Protein backbone atom coordinates (compact mmCIF):
# COMPACT_ATOMS: atom_id res chain seq x y z
CA UNK A 1 -0.17 0.03 0.06
CA UNK A 2 1.34 3.25 -1.05
CA UNK A 3 1.05 6.02 1.64
CA UNK A 4 1.68 9.70 1.44
CA UNK A 5 4.13 11.31 3.82
CA UNK A 6 1.60 14.29 4.36
CA UNK A 7 -1.29 13.61 6.39
CA UNK A 8 -3.61 14.57 9.49
CA UNK A 9 -5.50 12.36 11.92
CA UNK A 10 -7.61 13.30 15.03
CA UNK A 11 -8.78 11.28 17.89
CA UNK A 12 -11.09 12.22 20.74
CA UNK A 13 -12.61 10.37 23.55
CA UNK A 14 -14.00 10.95 27.29
CA UNK A 15 -12.26 8.17 29.40
CA UNK A 16 -12.37 8.16 33.31
CA UNK A 17 -13.73 11.65 33.52
CA UNK A 18 -11.15 13.22 31.21
CA UNK A 19 -11.70 14.57 27.64
CA UNK A 20 -8.54 13.32 25.78
CA UNK A 21 -7.69 14.69 22.21
CA UNK A 22 -4.73 13.81 19.93
CA UNK A 23 -3.95 15.28 16.73
CA UNK A 24 -1.32 14.15 14.37
CA UNK A 25 0.01 15.82 11.37
CA UNK A 26 2.82 15.40 9.14
CA UNK A 27 5.04 16.70 6.16
CA UNK A 28 7.82 15.48 3.92
CA UNK A 29 11.17 14.35 5.35
CA UNK A 30 13.77 11.79 4.58
CA UNK A 31 13.27 10.42 7.82
CA UNK A 32 10.91 9.84 10.86
CA UNK A 33 11.15 12.99 12.76
CA UNK A 34 8.92 13.44 15.90
CA UNK A 35 7.90 16.57 17.97
CA UNK A 36 4.95 16.96 20.26
CA UNK A 37 3.05 19.85 21.98
CA UNK A 38 1.95 18.02 25.60
CA UNK A 39 1.08 19.93 28.65
CA UNK A 40 3.86 19.67 31.19
CA UNK A 41 2.09 17.68 33.60
CA UNK A 42 1.63 14.95 30.88
CA UNK A 43 5.20 15.01 29.67
CA UNK A 44 5.75 11.49 31.23
CA UNK A 45 3.76 10.26 28.15
CA UNK A 46 6.08 11.56 25.45
CA UNK A 47 8.29 8.59 24.85
CA UNK A 48 5.38 6.33 24.80
CA UNK A 49 3.65 8.32 22.18
CA UNK A 50 6.79 8.72 20.04
CA UNK A 51 7.24 4.86 20.14
CA UNK A 52 3.43 4.45 19.14
CA UNK A 53 3.79 6.70 16.26
CA UNK A 54 7.13 5.21 14.99
CA UNK A 55 5.68 1.66 15.03
CA UNK A 56 3.40 2.67 12.06
CA UNK A 57 5.31 5.71 10.66
CA UNK A 58 8.56 5.08 8.96
CA UNK A 59 9.08 8.55 7.13
CA UNK A 60 7.92 12.02 7.52
CA UNK A 61 8.14 15.06 9.82
CA UNK A 62 5.35 14.34 12.35
CA UNK A 63 4.01 16.61 14.92
CA UNK A 64 1.61 15.27 17.63
CA UNK A 65 -0.45 17.50 20.06
CA UNK A 66 -2.28 16.15 23.25
CA UNK A 67 -4.72 17.89 25.32
CA UNK A 68 -6.35 16.42 28.53
CA UNK A 69 -9.43 18.12 30.09
CA UNK A 70 -11.11 16.98 33.42
CA UNK A 71 -14.90 16.92 32.88
CA UNK A 72 -15.75 15.16 36.25
CA UNK A 73 -15.16 16.77 39.58
CA UNK A 74 -13.69 13.74 41.41
CA UNK A 75 -10.45 14.60 39.82
CA UNK A 76 -10.22 17.65 42.44
CA UNK A 77 -10.79 18.40 45.95
CA UNK A 78 -11.45 21.58 47.79
CA UNK A 79 -9.39 22.23 51.11
CA UNK A 80 -10.44 24.68 53.68
CA UNK A 81 -7.73 26.47 55.83
CA UNK A 82 -9.86 27.08 58.96
CA UNK A 83 -7.22 28.76 61.09
CA UNK A 84 -6.29 31.33 58.49
CA UNK A 85 -10.17 32.25 57.82
CA UNK A 86 -10.45 32.84 61.54
CA UNK A 87 -7.32 35.12 61.67
CA UNK A 88 -9.06 36.87 58.52
CA UNK A 89 -12.25 37.16 60.59
CA UNK A 90 -10.58 38.67 63.71
CA UNK A 91 -8.55 41.13 61.63
CA UNK A 92 -11.78 42.31 59.73
CA UNK A 93 -13.65 42.84 63.09
CA UNK A 94 -10.56 44.67 64.70
CA UNK A 95 -10.75 46.97 61.48
CA UNK A 96 -14.57 47.47 61.89
CA UNK A 97 -14.13 48.63 65.42
CA UNK A 98 -11.20 50.88 64.83
CA UNK A 99 -12.77 52.57 61.83
CA UNK A 100 -16.39 52.65 63.21
CA UNK A 101 -17.74 50.88 60.23
CA UNK A 102 -20.28 48.06 60.00
CA UNK A 103 -18.99 44.67 60.44
CA UNK A 104 -20.27 42.70 57.31
CA UNK A 105 -17.83 39.84 57.23
CA UNK A 106 -19.64 36.57 55.70
CA UNK A 107 -18.51 33.44 54.96
CA UNK A 108 -18.65 34.20 51.34
CA UNK A 109 -16.37 37.05 51.68
CA UNK A 110 -13.99 35.08 53.69
CA UNK A 111 -13.78 32.35 51.08
CA UNK A 112 -12.61 34.80 48.75
CA UNK A 113 -9.59 35.78 50.68
CA UNK A 114 -6.28 34.37 49.59
CA UNK A 115 -5.44 30.81 50.50
CA UNK A 116 -8.62 30.10 52.51
CA UNK A 117 -9.73 27.84 49.99
CA UNK A 118 -7.58 25.91 47.66
CA UNK A 119 -8.45 23.34 44.94
CA UNK A 120 -6.24 20.52 44.68
CA UNK A 121 -6.13 18.21 41.62
CA UNK A 122 -6.12 14.45 42.71
CA UNK A 123 -3.19 12.37 41.76
CA UNK A 124 -3.92 10.82 38.41
CA UNK A 125 -3.48 7.11 38.15
CA UNK A 126 -0.38 7.30 35.54
CA UNK A 127 -0.93 3.57 34.13
CA UNK A 128 -4.83 4.51 33.67
CA UNK A 129 -4.05 7.78 31.98
CA UNK A 130 -1.34 6.16 29.69
CA UNK A 131 -3.68 3.48 28.52
CA UNK A 132 -6.45 5.96 27.83
CA UNK A 133 -4.06 8.22 26.00
CA UNK A 134 -2.82 5.28 23.88
CA UNK A 135 -6.32 4.46 22.98
CA UNK A 136 -7.28 7.93 21.67
CA UNK A 137 -3.64 8.24 19.96
CA UNK A 138 -4.56 4.85 18.27
CA UNK A 139 -7.57 6.33 16.97
CA UNK A 140 -5.90 9.33 15.85
CA UNK A 141 -3.45 7.16 14.14
CA UNK A 142 -6.03 5.16 12.24
CA UNK A 143 -7.46 8.18 10.84
CA UNK A 144 -4.06 9.52 10.06
CA UNK A 145 -3.03 6.62 8.05
CA UNK A 146 -6.30 6.47 6.35
CA UNK A 147 -5.71 9.89 4.85
CA UNK A 148 -2.11 9.05 3.80
CA UNK A 149 -3.42 5.90 2.13
CA UNK A 150 -6.05 7.97 0.09
CA UNK A 151 -3.27 10.32 -1.12
CA UNK A 152 -1.06 7.51 -1.78
CA UNK A 153 -3.53 5.93 -4.20
CA UNK A 154 -3.65 8.92 -6.06
CA UNK A 155 -0.15 9.35 -6.48
CA UNK A 156 0.54 5.60 -7.43
CA UNK A 157 -2.18 5.94 -10.02
CA UNK A 158 -0.37 8.98 -11.52
CA UNK A 159 3.15 7.10 -11.22
CA UNK A 160 1.67 4.07 -12.92
CA UNK A 161 0.41 6.10 -16.06
CA UNK A 162 3.64 7.75 -16.30
CA UNK A 163 5.42 4.51 -16.35
CA UNK A 164 3.21 3.65 -19.13
CA UNK A 165 4.28 6.63 -21.02
CA UNK A 166 7.90 5.79 -20.33
CA UNK A 167 7.52 2.36 -21.67
CA UNK A 168 5.81 3.65 -25.03
CA UNK A 169 8.75 5.95 -25.37
CA UNK A 170 11.20 3.27 -24.91
CA UNK A 171 9.38 1.25 -27.77
CA UNK A 172 9.90 3.91 -29.88
CA UNK A 173 13.45 4.47 -29.16
CA UNK A 174 14.02 0.88 -29.94
CA UNK A 175 12.33 1.05 -33.33
CA UNK A 176 14.12 4.08 -34.25
CA UNK A 177 17.28 2.50 -33.24
CA UNK A 178 16.90 -0.49 -35.55
CA UNK A 179 17.56 1.38 -38.62
CA UNK A 180 20.33 3.65 -37.32
CA UNK A 181 23.52 1.51 -38.39
CA UNK A 182 21.77 0.95 -41.96
CA UNK A 183 21.01 4.64 -42.43
CA UNK A 184 24.54 5.68 -41.32
CA UNK A 185 26.06 3.24 -43.76
CA UNK A 186 23.91 4.64 -46.58
CA UNK A 187 24.83 8.25 -45.56
CA UNK A 188 28.59 7.00 -45.61
CA UNK A 189 28.29 5.83 -49.22
CA UNK A 190 26.76 8.66 -50.39
CA UNK A 191 29.51 11.09 -49.05
CA UNK A 192 32.32 8.68 -50.31
CA UNK A 193 30.55 8.84 -53.90
CA UNK A 194 30.67 12.53 -53.91
CA UNK A 195 34.40 12.52 -52.71
CA UNK A 196 35.83 9.79 -54.81
CA UNK A 197 33.57 10.43 -57.74
CA UNK A 198 34.37 7.65 -60.31
CA UNK A 199 36.87 5.76 -58.11
CA UNK A 200 35.90 2.47 -56.50
CA UNK A 201 34.59 2.53 -52.65
CA UNK A 202 36.22 0.06 -50.49
CA UNK A 203 33.46 -1.79 -49.04
CA UNK A 204 35.45 -3.22 -46.36
CA UNK A 205 36.31 -0.02 -45.16
CA UNK A 206 32.69 1.36 -45.27
CA UNK A 207 31.75 -1.91 -43.24
CA UNK A 208 34.25 -1.28 -40.67
CA UNK A 209 33.38 2.40 -39.86
CA UNK A 210 29.59 1.11 -39.81
CA UNK A 211 30.74 -1.45 -37.16
CA UNK A 212 32.57 1.07 -35.14
CA UNK A 213 29.45 3.36 -35.20
CA UNK A 214 27.13 0.47 -34.44
CA UNK A 215 29.28 -0.24 -31.30
CA UNK A 216 29.61 3.47 -29.97
CA UNK A 217 25.98 4.17 -30.38
CA UNK A 218 24.39 0.88 -29.35
CA UNK A 219 21.69 1.52 -26.68
CA UNK A 220 20.31 -2.06 -26.70
CA UNK A 221 21.52 -2.69 -23.14
CA UNK A 222 20.23 0.58 -21.97
CA UNK A 223 16.71 0.09 -23.14
CA UNK A 224 16.85 -3.55 -21.76
CA UNK A 225 17.76 -2.11 -18.44
CA UNK A 226 14.97 0.62 -18.68
CA UNK A 227 12.47 -2.22 -19.35
CA UNK A 228 13.75 -4.14 -16.29
CA UNK A 229 13.46 -1.12 -14.10
CA UNK A 230 9.98 -0.47 -15.09
CA UNK A 231 9.12 -3.95 -14.15
CA UNK A 232 10.62 -3.57 -10.75
CA UNK A 233 9.11 -0.12 -10.32
CA UNK A 234 5.56 -1.59 -10.83
CA UNK A 235 6.40 -4.68 -8.32
CA UNK A 236 7.62 -2.30 -5.71
CA UNK A 237 4.45 -0.28 -6.11
CA UNK A 238 2.33 -3.19 -5.24
CA UNK A 239 4.31 -4.02 -1.95
CA UNK A 240 2.54 -3.61 1.38
CA UNK A 241 5.55 -1.73 3.10
CA UNK A 242 7.00 1.51 3.04
CA UNK A 243 8.63 1.84 -0.63
CA UNK A 244 9.60 5.64 -0.66
CA UNK A 245 13.52 4.90 -0.51
CA UNK A 246 13.59 2.05 -2.92
CA UNK A 247 11.77 4.09 -5.51
CA UNK A 248 14.06 6.93 -4.97
CA UNK A 249 17.12 4.76 -5.86
CA UNK A 250 15.26 3.01 -8.94
CA UNK A 251 14.33 6.39 -10.23
CA UNK A 252 17.89 7.51 -10.23
CA UNK A 253 18.74 4.32 -12.38
CA UNK A 254 15.83 5.23 -14.65
CA UNK A 255 17.48 8.71 -15.24
CA UNK A 256 20.80 7.46 -15.62
CA UNK A 257 19.95 4.92 -18.35
CA UNK A 258 17.92 7.66 -20.15
CA UNK A 259 20.93 10.06 -19.72
CA UNK A 260 23.32 7.36 -21.40
CA UNK A 261 20.83 6.86 -24.35
CA UNK A 262 20.69 10.58 -25.02
CA UNK A 263 24.62 10.80 -24.72
CA UNK A 264 25.14 7.92 -27.18
CA UNK A 265 22.35 8.35 -29.99
CA UNK A 266 23.20 10.44 -32.86
CA UNK A 267 19.51 10.65 -34.16
CA UNK A 268 17.38 13.71 -33.57
CA UNK A 269 14.11 11.94 -33.33
CA UNK A 270 15.58 9.80 -30.43
CA UNK A 271 16.79 12.84 -28.71
CA UNK A 272 13.28 14.46 -28.70
CA UNK A 273 12.08 11.21 -26.90
CA UNK A 274 14.56 11.26 -24.68
CA UNK A 275 13.77 14.57 -23.56
CA UNK A 276 10.14 13.63 -23.09
CA UNK A 277 11.30 10.42 -20.97
CA UNK A 278 13.33 12.58 -18.72
CA UNK A 279 10.37 15.21 -18.25
CA UNK A 280 8.37 11.92 -17.26
CA UNK A 281 10.87 10.89 -14.82
CA UNK A 282 11.34 14.10 -13.26
CA UNK A 283 7.56 14.30 -12.56
CA UNK A 284 7.57 10.78 -10.94
CA UNK A 285 10.64 11.91 -8.79
CA UNK A 286 8.37 14.81 -7.49
CA UNK A 287 5.85 12.57 -6.66
CA UNK A 288 8.09 9.70 -4.95
CA UNK A 289 9.28 12.47 -2.53
CA UNK A 290 6.15 12.56 -0.88
CA UNK A 291 5.97 8.75 -0.56
CA UNK A 292 6.67 7.08 2.74
């Protein structure tokens, strides 16, 4: 299955009184690069999340964000500092007496005094929290991989179409190449007739020159290797594993064989086809840069 390196996935669940949200996004990268945005109080989960993502993502610059919100009160407790509240009450009554103003101290006003009431979050069960976050991350990962797969199928279809175009071009090159030696021999004979006028032409010399030309311009090995690379390309595209690095190497080989044909051939029609092949290979290369 071909997977794109760009993608986004989101998971959200309410588990054990906590609303947990995990978002995963990625862009192109030669390797797996992980970064995260996690609240400091949950930083102990970072290594676990990185390992979980690495188990299903082999390439890409991946960013994970985690938010955890408490939706039930049992995770927090309210503590009363009764001695401090009495001290505030006494101080306020003395203030009332000294200034001759009404003493209107109430429980409500005392509760708003600093440190009279404190809210303390209950210590979370780290194993329970880790299991909950892992489950939500798995949901986000499934969504993330599904999006990557959709994009990957589009790229695969485009690459296969371009491979067919390249293969058709190779067939045209082979057809044009078949008559190149005979055409060269005929042109050589015509030139010699003009130069030698009525004198006899040394056929063995012409055949020798034609043989040298054939050896220098032979592209049979290159076209055979190109066809082999194209077949291998299609095989790799059908594998159920990350194939980006393999395709990157094979694309370089396609380009190398095409360049060799371009440098060896001395036919303007073949040269034009080589230019078309190189353009298709470049478009394929742009696609595989985004394949995991």
